[in-house]
C-alpha atoms as a PDB file:
ATOM      1  CA  TRP A   1    -116.529  49.421 107.500  1.00  0.00           C
ATOM      2  CA  SER A   2    -112.814  49.806 108.096  1.00  0.00           C
ATOM      3  CA  LYS A   3    -109.402  48.419 107.261  1.00  0.00           C
ATOM      4  CA  ALA A   4    -109.437  46.730 110.683  1.00  0.00           C
ATOM      5  CA  VAL A   5    -112.588  44.823 109.703  1.00  0.00           C
ATOM      6  CA  ASP A   6    -110.992  43.873 106.366  1.00  0.00           C
ATOM      7  CA  ASP A   7    -107.929  42.595 108.240  1.00  0.00           C
ATOM      8  CA  THR A   8    -110.110  40.584 110.624  1.00  0.00           C
ATOM      9  CA  VAL A   9    -112.039  38.983 107.754  1.00  0.00           C
ATOM     10  CA  ALA A  10    -108.789  38.139 105.947  1.00  0.00           C
ATOM     11  CA  GLU A  11    -107.452  36.475 109.101  1.00  0.00           C
ATOM     12  CA  MET A  12    -110.694  34.534 109.627  1.00  0.00           C
ATOM     13  CA  VAL A  13    -110.588  32.877 106.202  1.00  0.00           C
ATOM     14  CA  HIS A  14    -106.839  32.171 106.162  1.00  0.00           C
ATOM     15  CA  GLY A  15    -106.251  28.430 106.165  1.00  0.00           C
ATOM     16  CA  LEU A  16    -109.922  27.483 105.834  1.00  0.00           C
ATOM     17  CA  PRO A  17    -110.298  25.157 102.852  1.00  0.00           C
ATOM     18  CA  PRO A  18    -113.302  25.245 100.523  1.00  0.00           C
ATOM     19  CA  PHE A  19    -116.145  22.865 101.293  1.00  0.00           C
ATOM     20  CA  PRO A  20    -115.632  19.320  99.960  1.00  0.00           C
ATOM     21  CA  GLY A  21    -116.376  19.106  96.242  1.00  0.00           C
ATOM     22  CA  VAL A  22    -116.126  22.846  95.571  1.00  0.00           C
ATOM     23  CA  ARG A  23    -112.850  22.664  93.622  1.00  0.00           C
ATOM     24  CA  GLU A  24    -114.175  19.842  91.458  1.00  0.00           C
ATOM     25  CA  ALA A  25    -117.469  21.647  90.858  1.00  0.00           C
ATOM     26  CA  LEU A  26    -115.706  24.885  89.886  1.00  0.00           C
ATOM     27  CA  GLU A  27    -113.372  22.990  87.560  1.00  0.00           C
ATOM     28  CA  THR A  28    -116.267  21.169  85.879  1.00  0.00           C
ATOM     29  CA  MET A  29    -118.358  24.322  85.496  1.00  0.00           C
ATOM     30  CA  ALA A  30    -115.376  26.281  84.134  1.00  0.00           C
ATOM     31  CA  LYS A  31    -115.282  23.915  81.151  1.00  0.00           C
ATOM     32  CA  GLN A  32    -118.838  24.918  80.224  1.00  0.00           C
ATOM     33  CA  ALA A  33    -119.265  28.525  81.333  1.00  0.00           C
ATOM     34  CA  ASP A  34    -117.566  31.680  82.513  1.00  0.00           C
ATOM     35  CA  GLN A  35    -117.794  32.173  86.262  1.00  0.00           C
ATOM     36  CA  ILE A  36    -117.520  35.215  88.491  1.00  0.00           C
ATOM     37  CA  VAL A  37    -117.515  35.614  92.251  1.00  0.00           C
ATOM     38  CA  CYS A  38    -119.942  38.228  93.639  1.00  0.00           C
ATOM     39  CA  SER A  39    -119.580  38.637  97.382  1.00  0.00           C
ATOM     40  CA  ALA A  40    -120.157  41.079 100.214  1.00  0.00           C
ATOM     41  CA  THR A  41    -116.760  40.026 101.591  1.00  0.00           C
ATOM     42  CA  PRO A  42    -113.882  42.512 101.178  1.00  0.00           C
ATOM     43  CA  ASN A  43    -112.070  41.945  97.888  1.00  0.00           C
ATOM     44  CA  ARG A  44    -108.663  41.526  99.545  1.00  0.00           C
ATOM     45  CA  ALA A  45    -109.964  38.653 101.684  1.00  0.00           C
ATOM     46  CA  LEU A  46    -111.626  37.015  98.674  1.00  0.00           C
ATOM     47  CA  GLN A  47    -108.486  37.273  96.540  1.00  0.00           C
ATOM     48  CA  GLN A  48    -106.380  35.842  99.372  1.00  0.00           C
ATOM     49  CA  GLU A  49    -108.775  32.974 100.041  1.00  0.00           C
ATOM     50  CA  TRP A  50    -109.292  31.972  96.410  1.00  0.00           C
ATOM     51  CA  GLN A  51    -105.567  32.241  95.564  1.00  0.00           C
ATOM     52  CA  GLU A  52    -104.515  30.383  98.709  1.00  0.00           C
ATOM     53  CA  HIS A  53    -106.560  27.374  97.602  1.00  0.00           C
ATOM     54  CA  GLY A  54    -105.825  27.658  93.878  1.00  0.00           C
ATOM     55  CA  ILE A  55    -109.470  28.064  92.898  1.00  0.00           C
ATOM     56  CA  ASP A  56    -109.129  31.583  91.479  1.00  0.00           C
ATOM     57  CA  GLN A  57    -108.036  29.970  88.201  1.00  0.00           C
ATOM     58  CA  TYR A  58    -111.618  28.828  87.581  1.00  0.00           C
ATOM     59  CA  VAL A  59    -113.233  32.287  87.582  1.00  0.00           C
ATOM     60  CA  GLN A  60    -113.028  35.275  85.266  1.00  0.00           C
ATOM     61  CA  ALA A  61    -113.496  37.872  88.007  1.00  0.00           C
ATOM     62  CA  ILE A  62    -113.681  38.184  91.770  1.00  0.00           C
ATOM     63  CA  CYS A  63    -115.994  41.012  92.828  1.00  0.00           C
ATOM     64  CA  GLY A  64    -115.919  41.845  96.514  1.00  0.00           C
ATOM     65  CA  GLN A  65    -117.882  44.455  98.426  1.00  0.00           C
ATOM     66  CA  GLU A  66    -115.888  47.257  96.797  1.00  0.00           C
ATOM     67  CA  ALA A  67    -117.527  46.364  93.460  1.00  0.00           C
ATOM     68  CA  GLY A  68    -120.954  47.134  94.905  1.00  0.00           C
ATOM     69  CA  SER A  69    -123.878  44.869  95.634  1.00  0.00           C
ATOM     70  CA  LYS A  70    -124.286  41.458  94.076  1.00  0.00           C
ATOM     71  CA  ALA A  71    -127.050  42.899  91.892  1.00  0.00           C
ATOM     72  CA  GLU A  72    -124.671  45.641  90.737  1.00  0.00           C
ATOM     73  CA  SER A  73    -121.983  43.074  89.918  1.00  0.00           C
ATOM     74  CA  LEU A  74    -124.461  41.051  87.857  1.00  0.00           C
ATOM     75  CA  ALA A  75    -125.589  44.234  86.078  1.00  0.00           C
ATOM     76  CA  LYS A  76    -121.934  44.976  85.285  1.00  0.00           C
ATOM     77  CA  ALA A  77    -121.573  41.463  83.826  1.00  0.00           C
ATOM     78  CA  LYS A  78    -124.512  42.291  81.544  1.00  0.00           C
ATOM     79  CA  GLU A  79    -122.583  45.350  80.322  1.00  0.00           C
ATOM     80  CA  PHE A  80    -119.801  42.963  79.287  1.00  0.00           C
ATOM     81  CA  GLY A  81    -122.207  40.949  77.142  1.00  0.00           C
ATOM     82  CA  TYR A  82    -123.528  38.340  79.553  1.00  0.00           C
ATOM     83  CA  GLU A  83    -127.298  38.046  79.213  1.00  0.00           C
ATOM     84  CA  LEU A  84    -129.257  37.940  82.456  1.00  0.00           C
ATOM     85  CA  ASP A  85    -131.253  34.924  81.261  1.00  0.00           C
ATOM     86  CA  HIS A  86    -127.962  33.060  80.766  1.00  0.00           C
ATOM     87  CA  MET A  87    -126.720  33.667  84.316  1.00  0.00           C
ATOM     88  CA  LEU A  88    -127.011  31.221  87.174  1.00  0.00           C
ATOM     89  CA  MET A  89    -126.346  32.468  90.677  1.00  0.00           C
ATOM     90  CA  ILE A  90    -125.235  29.951  93.261  1.00  0.00           C
ATOM     91  CA  GLY A  91    -125.482  31.497  96.703  1.00  0.00           C
ATOM     92  CA  ASP A  92    -124.140  30.593 100.094  1.00  0.00           C
ATOM     93  CA  ALA A  93    -126.282  32.815 102.307  1.00  0.00           C
ATOM     94  CA  PRO A  94    -130.014  33.338 102.922  1.00  0.00           C
ATOM     95  CA  GLY A  95    -129.760  36.820 101.394  1.00  0.00           C
ATOM     96  CA  ASP A  96    -128.770  35.242  98.073  1.00  0.00           C
ATOM     97  CA  ILE A  97    -132.249  33.825  97.576  1.00  0.00           C
END
């Protein structure tokens, strides 16, 4: 992985809006639960994308590939007091199953 790949990913997501209904879903869920983003995407691209569309306000943390695997990010959330049996993962890729 390289900075060039990070730059390419950041360029790819620039200007692409979230899927219809995502903002409303995040807003609704934020009223009931804490939310974090766990992604294999570079953190810089995630931050840019979520800030660009104003949806970063609905999550407590954005964890990109630099934070480790999704499983590692969820384990870290447990260290901060979130119980595994109180977590719901909503994926967007076959590997999230």
